[in-house]
Amino acid sequence: MTVNTNSGMAELGLPPEVWTGVDDEVQALLDRWLVAPGDAVAVGQVVARAVLVKSSLDIVAPVAGVLERVLVPAGASFARGQAVGQIARG
């Protein structure tokens, strides 16, 4: 998703292009986290899996660092553009 250079945090979520053609009110399901808070992650590493309209999608780390916070737990739904977690750049 996005990197906030002021705070040194990067937000995790589904990229906008996967929502193309999906109704605005449809939400995705955070299927599972593959890393836990405090785990180091690499750029491009798959950190979670989500389901959107019966398609399984990977959520990847946009930066290297440490998973700082889980904002959406496994089994919960999230909306278009919503961050599911945060990475502290490292």
N, C-alpha and C. Protein backbone atom coordinates (compact mmCIF):
# COMPACT_ATOMS: atom_id res chain seq x y z
N MET A 1 0.83 -1.18 0.00
CA MET A 1 0.00 0.00 0.00
C MET A 1 0.88 1.24 0.00
N THR A 2 1.00 1.91 1.15
CA THR A 2 1.72 3.18 1.15
C THR A 2 2.81 3.18 2.21
N VAL A 3 3.77 4.04 1.99
CA VAL A 3 4.84 4.23 2.96
C VAL A 3 4.76 5.67 3.45
N ASN A 4 4.64 5.85 4.74
CA ASN A 4 4.63 7.18 5.34
C ASN A 4 6.05 7.48 5.79
N THR A 5 6.75 8.30 5.03
CA THR A 5 8.15 8.56 5.32
C THR A 5 8.33 9.41 6.57
N ASN A 6 7.32 10.17 6.97
CA ASN A 6 7.43 10.99 8.18
C ASN A 6 7.50 10.12 9.43
N SER A 7 6.71 9.06 9.47
CA SER A 7 6.69 8.21 10.66
C SER A 7 7.59 7.00 10.51
N GLY A 8 8.07 6.74 9.30
CA GLY A 8 8.87 5.54 9.07
C GLY A 8 8.05 4.27 9.04
N MET A 9 6.73 4.42 8.91
CA MET A 9 5.83 3.26 8.89
C MET A 9 5.30 3.03 7.48
N ALA A 10 5.09 1.77 7.16
CA ALA A 10 4.46 1.40 5.90
C ALA A 10 3.17 0.65 6.22
N GLU A 11 2.12 0.95 5.49
CA GLU A 11 0.84 0.27 5.69
C GLU A 11 0.74 -0.93 4.77
N LEU A 12 0.15 -1.98 5.30
CA LEU A 12 -0.09 -3.20 4.54
C LEU A 12 -1.55 -3.26 4.12
N GLY A 13 -1.80 -3.72 2.91
CA GLY A 13 -3.16 -3.90 2.43
C GLY A 13 -3.15 -4.41 1.01
N LEU A 14 -4.33 -4.53 0.45
CA LEU A 14 -4.44 -4.96 -0.93
C LEU A 14 -4.25 -3.77 -1.85
N PRO A 15 -3.53 -3.94 -2.95
CA PRO A 15 -3.33 -2.83 -3.88
C PRO A 15 -4.65 -2.45 -4.57
N PRO A 16 -4.78 -1.18 -4.94
CA PRO A 16 -6.04 -0.70 -5.54
C PRO A 16 -6.48 -1.49 -6.77
N GLU A 17 -5.54 -1.97 -7.57
CA GLU A 17 -5.92 -2.64 -8.82
C GLU A 17 -6.70 -3.94 -8.60
N VAL A 18 -6.55 -4.61 -7.45
CA VAL A 18 -7.30 -5.84 -7.24
C VAL A 18 -8.78 -5.57 -6.97
N TRP A 19 -9.11 -4.33 -6.65
CA TRP A 19 -10.49 -3.95 -6.37
C TRP A 19 -11.22 -3.49 -7.64
N THR A 20 -10.54 -3.43 -8.78
CA THR A 20 -11.16 -2.99 -10.03
C THR A 20 -12.34 -3.90 -10.37
N GLY A 21 -13.48 -3.30 -10.61
CA GLY A 21 -14.68 -4.05 -10.98
C GLY A 21 -15.44 -4.62 -9.80
N VAL A 22 -14.95 -4.38 -8.58
CA VAL A 22 -15.61 -4.88 -7.37
C VAL A 22 -16.48 -3.75 -6.80
N ASP A 23 -17.72 -4.07 -6.46
CA ASP A 23 -18.62 -3.06 -5.88
C ASP A 23 -18.00 -2.45 -4.63
N ASP A 24 -18.25 -1.16 -4.43
CA ASP A 24 -17.66 -0.42 -3.31
C ASP A 24 -17.99 -1.01 -1.94
N GLU A 25 -19.17 -1.58 -1.79
CA GLU A 25 -19.57 -2.10 -0.48
C GLU A 25 -19.00 -3.49 -0.17
N VAL A 26 -18.39 -4.14 -1.15
CA VAL A 26 -17.81 -5.47 -0.94
C VAL A 26 -16.53 -5.33 -0.11
N GLN A 27 -16.38 -6.22 0.87
CA GLN A 27 -15.19 -6.24 1.71
C GLN A 27 -14.39 -7.51 1.45
N ALA A 28 -13.11 -7.45 1.77
CA ALA A 28 -12.24 -8.62 1.69
C ALA A 28 -12.16 -9.26 3.07
N LEU A 29 -11.76 -10.52 3.11
CA LEU A 29 -11.57 -11.25 4.36
C LEU A 29 -10.08 -11.49 4.56
N LEU A 30 -9.56 -11.12 5.72
CA LEU A 30 -8.16 -11.41 6.05
C LEU A 30 -8.14 -12.88 6.47
N ASP A 31 -7.68 -13.74 5.59
CA ASP A 31 -7.71 -15.18 5.82
C ASP A 31 -6.73 -15.60 6.91
N ARG A 32 -5.46 -15.17 6.77
CA ARG A 32 -4.48 -15.54 7.79
C ARG A 32 -3.23 -14.68 7.69
N TRP A 33 -2.61 -14.50 8.82
CA TRP A 33 -1.31 -13.84 8.91
C TRP A 33 -0.23 -14.90 8.82
N LEU A 34 0.82 -14.63 8.05
CA LEU A 34 1.95 -15.55 7.91
C LEU A 34 3.13 -15.12 8.77
N VAL A 35 3.05 -13.94 9.34
CA VAL A 35 4.06 -13.42 10.26
C VAL A 35 3.33 -12.85 11.48
N ALA A 36 4.07 -12.67 12.56
CA ALA A 36 3.51 -12.13 13.80
C ALA A 36 4.16 -10.79 14.13
N PRO A 37 3.48 -9.96 14.92
CA PRO A 37 4.12 -8.71 15.34
C PRO A 37 5.49 -8.98 15.95
N GLY A 38 6.45 -8.17 15.54
CA GLY A 38 7.83 -8.34 15.99
C GLY A 38 8.70 -9.11 15.03
N ASP A 39 8.08 -9.80 14.05
CA ASP A 39 8.84 -10.55 13.05
C ASP A 39 9.45 -9.61 12.01
N ALA A 40 10.68 -9.90 11.61
CA ALA A 40 11.33 -9.16 10.52
C ALA A 40 10.72 -9.61 9.20
N VAL A 41 10.55 -8.67 8.27
CA VAL A 41 10.03 -8.98 6.94
C VAL A 41 10.92 -8.34 5.88
N ALA A 42 10.96 -8.97 4.71
CA ALA A 42 11.74 -8.47 3.58
C ALA A 42 10.81 -7.82 2.56
N VAL A 43 11.36 -6.95 1.73
CA VAL A 43 10.58 -6.35 0.65
C VAL A 43 10.01 -7.46 -0.23
N GLY A 44 8.73 -7.41 -0.51
CA GLY A 44 8.09 -8.39 -1.38
C GLY A 44 7.69 -9.68 -0.70
N GLN A 45 7.99 -9.82 0.58
CA GLN A 45 7.62 -11.03 1.31
C GLN A 45 6.11 -11.08 1.52
N VAL A 46 5.52 -12.25 1.30
CA VAL A 46 4.10 -12.44 1.57
C VAL A 46 3.93 -12.50 3.08
N VAL A 47 3.13 -11.58 3.62
CA VAL A 47 2.95 -11.51 5.07
C VAL A 47 1.56 -11.93 5.52
N ALA A 48 0.60 -11.94 4.59
CA ALA A 48 -0.77 -12.34 4.92
C ALA A 48 -1.48 -12.77 3.64
N ARG A 49 -2.60 -13.46 3.83
CA ARG A 49 -3.44 -13.87 2.70
C ARG A 49 -4.85 -13.35 2.95
N ALA A 50 -5.44 -12.86 1.87
CA ALA A 50 -6.81 -12.34 1.94
C ALA A 50 -7.65 -12.99 0.86
N VAL A 51 -8.96 -12.95 1.04
CA VAL A 51 -9.90 -13.47 0.06
C VAL A 51 -10.80 -12.31 -0.36
N LEU A 52 -10.89 -12.10 -1.67
CA LEU A 52 -11.75 -11.06 -2.24
C LEU A 52 -12.52 -11.68 -3.39
N VAL A 53 -13.83 -11.73 -3.26
CA VAL A 53 -14.72 -12.29 -4.28
C VAL A 53 -14.21 -13.66 -4.74
N LYS A 54 -14.02 -14.54 -3.78
CA LYS A 54 -13.63 -15.94 -4.00
C LYS A 54 -12.23 -16.12 -4.56
N SER A 55 -11.42 -15.07 -4.57
CA SER A 55 -10.03 -15.17 -5.03
C SER A 55 -9.10 -14.99 -3.84
N SER A 56 -8.12 -15.88 -3.72
CA SER A 56 -7.12 -15.76 -2.67
C SER A 56 -6.00 -14.84 -3.16
N LEU A 57 -5.66 -13.84 -2.35
CA LEU A 57 -4.67 -12.84 -2.74
C LEU A 57 -3.60 -12.71 -1.66
N ASP A 58 -2.36 -12.50 -2.10
CA ASP A 58 -1.26 -12.28 -1.17
C ASP A 58 -1.16 -10.81 -0.80
N ILE A 59 -0.86 -10.55 0.45
CA ILE A 59 -0.52 -9.20 0.91
C ILE A 59 0.98 -9.22 1.15
N VAL A 60 1.71 -8.35 0.45
CA VAL A 60 3.17 -8.36 0.50
C VAL A 60 3.71 -7.11 1.18
N ALA A 61 4.89 -7.27 1.76
CA ALA A 61 5.55 -6.15 2.44
C ALA A 61 6.12 -5.19 1.39
N PRO A 62 5.75 -3.90 1.46
CA PRO A 62 6.28 -2.93 0.50
C PRO A 62 7.68 -2.45 0.86
N VAL A 63 8.10 -2.71 2.10
CA VAL A 63 9.42 -2.30 2.59
C VAL A 63 9.96 -3.40 3.51
N ALA A 64 11.26 -3.37 3.74
CA ALA A 64 11.87 -4.25 4.73
C ALA A 64 11.70 -3.61 6.10
N GLY A 65 11.52 -4.42 7.11
CA GLY A 65 11.39 -3.90 8.46
C GLY A 65 10.84 -4.95 9.40
N VAL A 66 10.03 -4.49 10.35
CA VAL A 66 9.45 -5.36 11.37
C VAL A 66 7.94 -5.11 11.40
N LEU A 67 7.16 -6.21 11.42
CA LEU A 67 5.71 -6.05 11.54
C LEU A 67 5.43 -5.43 12.90
N GLU A 68 4.99 -4.20 12.88
CA GLU A 68 4.77 -3.42 14.11
C GLU A 68 3.40 -3.70 14.72
N ARG A 69 2.36 -3.67 13.86
CA ARG A 69 0.99 -3.81 14.35
C ARG A 69 0.12 -4.57 13.37
N VAL A 70 -0.74 -5.42 13.91
CA VAL A 70 -1.81 -6.05 13.14
C VAL A 70 -3.05 -5.20 13.40
N LEU A 71 -3.60 -4.62 12.34
CA LEU A 71 -4.78 -3.77 12.47
C LEU A 71 -6.08 -4.53 12.20
N VAL A 72 -5.98 -5.61 11.42
CA VAL A 72 -7.14 -6.46 11.11
C VAL A 72 -6.74 -7.89 11.44
N PRO A 73 -7.39 -8.52 12.41
CA PRO A 73 -7.02 -9.90 12.76
C PRO A 73 -7.51 -10.90 11.72
N ALA A 74 -6.90 -12.08 11.73
CA ALA A 74 -7.34 -13.16 10.85
C ALA A 74 -8.82 -13.45 11.11
N GLY A 75 -9.57 -13.65 10.03
CA GLY A 75 -10.99 -13.94 10.15
C GLY A 75 -11.88 -12.72 10.09
N ALA A 76 -11.28 -11.53 10.09
CA ALA A 76 -12.06 -10.28 10.05
C ALA A 76 -12.09 -9.72 8.63
N SER A 77 -13.09 -8.92 8.36
CA SER A 77 -13.24 -8.28 7.05
C SER A 77 -12.62 -6.89 7.06
N PHE A 78 -12.25 -6.43 5.86
CA PHE A 78 -11.72 -5.07 5.73
C PHE A 78 -12.14 -4.48 4.39
N ALA A 79 -12.19 -3.16 4.36
CA ALA A 79 -12.71 -2.44 3.20
C ALA A 79 -11.60 -2.04 2.23
N ARG A 80 -12.03 -1.65 1.06
CA ARG A 80 -11.13 -1.10 0.04
C ARG A 80 -10.31 0.03 0.64
N GLY A 81 -9.00 -0.02 0.47
CA GLY A 81 -8.11 1.04 0.95
C GLY A 81 -7.76 0.97 2.43
N GLN A 82 -8.34 0.05 3.16
CA GLN A 82 -8.07 -0.06 4.59
C GLN A 82 -6.75 -0.78 4.84
N ALA A 83 -5.93 -0.25 5.72
CA ALA A 83 -4.68 -0.91 6.10
C ALA A 83 -4.99 -2.07 7.04
N VAL A 84 -4.30 -3.20 6.84
CA VAL A 84 -4.50 -4.37 7.70
C VAL A 84 -3.37 -4.52 8.71
N GLY A 85 -2.26 -3.83 8.47
CA GLY A 85 -1.12 -3.90 9.37
C GLY A 85 -0.14 -2.79 9.07
N GLN A 86 0.87 -2.67 9.94
CA GLN A 86 1.90 -1.65 9.76
C GLN A 86 3.28 -2.26 9.95
N ILE A 87 4.20 -1.83 9.09
CA ILE A 87 5.60 -2.26 9.19
C ILE A 87 6.43 -1.05 9.58
N ALA A 88 7.27 -1.24 10.59
CA ALA A 88 8.26 -0.21 10.95
C ALA A 88 9.47 -0.46 10.06
N ARG A 89 9.84 0.55 9.30
CA ARG A 89 10.97 0.40 8.38
C ARG A 89 12.24 0.14 9.18
N GLY A 90 13.04 -0.77 8.62
CA GLY A 90 14.24 -1.11 9.37
C GLY A 90 15.42 -1.35 8.57
